[in-house]
Amino acid sequence: MVRIYHNNRCSKSRATLALLEGREVEVVNYLDTPPDAAELKQLLELLGIPARQLLRSGEDIYRELGLADPSLGDDALIAAMVAHPILIERPIVVANGKAAIGRPPEAVLAIL
């Protein structure tokens, strides 16, 4: 089973989903059903990155919340992503006990 944290309005997310065609895929529209803090921590562990690298720094809410502040730790950044899932980089694909961000979409092929 492959899971994709997907935003249909995002061209990279749609292209990544297209790459998964023919596989059994669970699509999580994360803006409608956002992951909780525990799920985000698990995703970060699978991705092998700190929370800051999963943030979309170009979003208005990123600036409004002052998330560029380097003193903010992972817990604060994760809490911001839970409260405002638009901040989560997309798409994220989970398969075979691994995760990858589909930027570029072909990056997910390494975990399939």
C-alpha atoms as a PDB file:
ATOM      1  CA  MET A   1       0.000   0.000   0.000  1.00  0.00           C
ATOM      2  CA  VAL A   2       1.206   3.464  -0.913  1.00  0.00           C
ATOM      3  CA  ARG A   3      -0.064   6.573   0.870  1.00  0.00           C
ATOM      4  CA  ILE A   4       0.141  10.062  -0.605  1.00  0.00           C
ATOM      5  CA  TYR A   5      -0.508  13.252   1.333  1.00  0.00           C
ATOM      6  CA  HIS A   6      -2.063  15.131  -1.539  1.00  0.00           C
ATOM      7  CA  ASN A   7      -3.347  18.566  -2.489  1.00  0.00           C
ATOM      8  CA  ASN A   8      -5.259  18.416  -5.767  1.00  0.00           C
ATOM      9  CA  ARG A   9      -4.641  22.133  -6.403  1.00  0.00           C
ATOM     10  CA  CYS A  10      -0.877  21.506  -6.551  1.00  0.00           C
ATOM     11  CA  SER A  11       0.609  20.530  -9.918  1.00  0.00           C
ATOM     12  CA  LYS A  12       3.518  18.629  -8.295  1.00  0.00           C
ATOM     13  CA  SER A  13       1.061  16.684  -6.162  1.00  0.00           C
ATOM     14  CA  ARG A  14      -1.090  15.810  -9.185  1.00  0.00           C
ATOM     15  CA  ALA A  15       1.995  14.754 -11.175  1.00  0.00           C
ATOM     16  CA  THR A  16       3.198  12.582  -8.282  1.00  0.00           C
ATOM     17  CA  LEU A  17      -0.208  10.935  -7.993  1.00  0.00           C
ATOM     18  CA  ALA A  18      -0.099  10.206 -11.734  1.00  0.00           C
ATOM     19  CA  LEU A  19       3.264   8.441 -11.243  1.00  0.00           C
ATOM     20  CA  LEU A  20       1.581   6.147  -8.731  1.00  0.00           C
ATOM     21  CA  GLU A  21      -1.084   5.042 -11.213  1.00  0.00           C
ATOM     22  CA  GLY A  22      -1.519   1.279 -11.306  1.00  0.00           C
ATOM     23  CA  ARG A  23      -0.612   0.859  -7.625  1.00  0.00           C
ATOM     24  CA  GLU A  24      -2.925   0.533  -4.662  1.00  0.00           C
ATOM     25  CA  VAL A  25      -2.860   4.086  -3.303  1.00  0.00           C
ATOM     26  CA  GLU A  26      -4.452   5.675  -0.266  1.00  0.00           C
ATOM     27  CA  VAL A  27      -4.953   9.356  -1.014  1.00  0.00           C
ATOM     28  CA  VAL A  28      -4.967  11.613   2.040  1.00  0.00           C
ATOM     29  CA  ASN A  29      -6.286  15.064   1.188  1.00  0.00           C
ATOM     30  CA  TYR A  30      -4.291  16.558   4.039  1.00  0.00           C
ATOM     31  CA  LEU A  31      -5.973  19.967   3.909  1.00  0.00           C
ATOM     32  CA  ASP A  32      -9.309  18.254   4.659  1.00  0.00           C
ATOM     33  CA  THR A  33      -7.929  15.648   7.069  1.00  0.00           C
ATOM     34  CA  PRO A  34      -4.653  17.036   8.419  1.00  0.00           C
ATOM     35  CA  PRO A  35      -2.204  14.798  10.219  1.00  0.00           C
ATOM     36  CA  ASP A  36      -1.924  15.220  13.972  1.00  0.00           C
ATOM     37  CA  ALA A  37       1.364  15.918  15.762  1.00  0.00           C
ATOM     38  CA  ALA A  38       2.183  12.235  16.251  1.00  0.00           C
ATOM     39  CA  GLU A  39       1.616  11.472  12.569  1.00  0.00           C
ATOM     40  CA  LEU A  40       3.743  14.450  11.516  1.00  0.00           C
ATOM     41  CA  LYS A  41       6.558  13.313  13.816  1.00  0.00           C
ATOM     42  CA  GLN A  42       6.388   9.854  12.264  1.00  0.00           C
ATOM     43  CA  LEU A  43       6.506  11.355   8.749  1.00  0.00           C
ATOM     44  CA  LEU A  44       9.516  13.482   9.699  1.00  0.00           C
ATOM     45  CA  GLU A  45      11.277  10.404  11.039  1.00  0.00           C
ATOM     46  CA  LEU A  46      10.576   8.481   7.827  1.00  0.00           C
ATOM     47  CA  LEU A  47      11.746  11.445   5.761  1.00  0.00           C
ATOM     48  CA  GLY A  48      14.839  11.889   7.934  1.00  0.00           C
ATOM     49  CA  ILE A  49      14.447  15.654   8.097  1.00  0.00           C
ATOM     50  CA  PRO A  50      13.792  18.249  10.816  1.00  0.00           C
ATOM     51  CA  ALA A  51      10.384  19.899  10.982  1.00  0.00           C
ATOM     52  CA  ARG A  52      11.705  23.150   9.485  1.00  0.00           C
ATOM     53  CA  GLN A  53      12.460  21.374   6.180  1.00  0.00           C
ATOM     54  CA  LEU A  54       8.820  20.303   5.857  1.00  0.00           C
ATOM     55  CA  LEU A  55       7.519  23.873   6.094  1.00  0.00           C
ATOM     56  CA  ARG A  56       6.318  25.804   3.057  1.00  0.00           C
ATOM     57  CA  SER A  57       8.043  29.120   3.759  1.00  0.00           C
ATOM     58  CA  GLY A  58       6.311  30.887   0.876  1.00  0.00           C
ATOM     59  CA  GLU A  59       2.883  30.734   2.504  1.00  0.00           C
ATOM     60  CA  ASP A  60       1.514  33.975   3.994  1.00  0.00           C
ATOM     61  CA  ILE A  61       0.744  32.237   7.286  1.00  0.00           C
ATOM     62  CA  TYR A  62       4.444  31.321   7.603  1.00  0.00           C
ATOM     63  CA  ARG A  63       5.334  35.012   7.790  1.00  0.00           C
ATOM     64  CA  GLU A  64       2.296  35.926   9.891  1.00  0.00           C
ATOM     65  CA  LEU A  65       3.256  33.352  12.540  1.00  0.00           C
ATOM     66  CA  GLY A  66       6.929  34.339  12.506  1.00  0.00           C
ATOM     67  CA  LEU A  67       8.027  30.796  11.699  1.00  0.00           C
ATOM     68  CA  ALA A  68      11.368  31.950  10.284  1.00  0.00           C
ATOM     69  CA  ASP A  69      12.490  32.504  13.888  1.00  0.00           C
ATOM     70  CA  PRO A  70      15.422  30.083  14.300  1.00  0.00           C
ATOM     71  CA  SER A  71      14.713  29.714  18.017  1.00  0.00           C
ATOM     72  CA  LEU A  72      11.498  27.788  17.264  1.00  0.00           C
ATOM     73  CA  GLY A  73      12.016  24.077  17.814  1.00  0.00           C
ATOM     74  CA  ASP A  74      10.438  21.101  16.102  1.00  0.00           C
ATOM     75  CA  ASP A  75       7.513  20.931  18.547  1.00  0.00           C
ATOM     76  CA  ALA A  76       6.498  24.548  17.835  1.00  0.00           C
ATOM     77  CA  LEU A  77       6.834  24.051  14.079  1.00  0.00           C
ATOM     78  CA  ILE A  78       4.866  20.805  14.181  1.00  0.00           C
ATOM     79  CA  ALA A  79       2.123  22.543  16.185  1.00  0.00           C
ATOM     80  CA  ALA A  80       1.959  25.252  13.513  1.00  0.00           C
ATOM     81  CA  MET A  81       1.635  22.625  10.759  1.00  0.00           C
ATOM     82  CA  VAL A  82      -1.131  20.833  12.662  1.00  0.00           C
ATOM     83  CA  ALA A  83      -3.024  24.109  13.110  1.00  0.00           C
ATOM     84  CA  HIS A  84      -2.335  25.277   9.529  1.00  0.00           C
ATOM     85  CA  PRO A  85      -1.819  22.243   7.258  1.00  0.00           C
ATOM     86  CA  ILE A  86      -1.224  24.521   4.255  1.00  0.00           C
ATOM     87  CA  LEU A  87       2.264  24.895   5.754  1.00  0.00           C
ATOM     88  CA  ILE A  88       3.099  21.231   5.076  1.00  0.00           C
ATOM     89  CA  GLU A  89       5.261  20.641   2.002  1.00  0.00           C
ATOM     90  CA  ARG A  90       3.551  18.440  -0.551  1.00  0.00           C
ATOM     91  CA  PRO A  91       3.180  15.823  -1.755  1.00  0.00           C
ATOM     92  CA  ILE A  92       4.519  13.282   0.710  1.00  0.00           C
ATOM     93  CA  VAL A  93       4.493   9.637  -0.331  1.00  0.00           C
ATOM     94  CA  VAL A  94       4.902   6.782   2.149  1.00  0.00           C
ATOM     95  CA  ALA A  95       5.713   3.270   0.947  1.00  0.00           C
ATOM     96  CA  ASN A  96       7.748   0.308   2.142  1.00  0.00           C
ATOM     97  CA  GLY A  97       8.512   1.902   5.506  1.00  0.00           C
ATOM     98  CA  LYS A  98      10.008   4.980   3.850  1.00  0.00           C
ATOM     99  CA  ALA A  99       8.795   8.431   2.826  1.00  0.00           C
ATOM    100  CA  ALA A 100       9.717  10.947   0.152  1.00  0.00           C
ATOM    101  CA  ILE A 101       8.603  14.410  -0.870  1.00  0.00           C
ATOM    102  CA  GLY A 102       7.524  14.557  -4.509  1.00  0.00           C
ATOM    103  CA  ARG A 103       9.627  17.570  -5.465  1.00  0.00           C
ATOM    104  CA  PRO A 104      10.325  16.691  -8.191  1.00  0.00           C
ATOM    105  CA  PRO A 105       7.601  14.057  -8.533  1.00  0.00           C
ATOM    106  CA  GLU A 106      10.141  11.449  -9.678  1.00  0.00           C
ATOM    107  CA  ALA A 107      11.820  11.622  -6.235  1.00  0.00           C
ATOM    108  CA  VAL A 108       9.173   9.228  -4.894  1.00  0.00           C
ATOM    109  CA  LEU A 109      10.183   6.465  -7.294  1.00  0.00           C
ATOM    110  CA  ALA A 110      13.202   5.646  -5.092  1.00  0.00           C
ATOM    111  CA  ILE A 111      10.947   4.361  -2.279  1.00  0.00           C
ATOM    112  CA  LEU A 112       8.548   2.305  -4.403  1.00  0.00           C
END
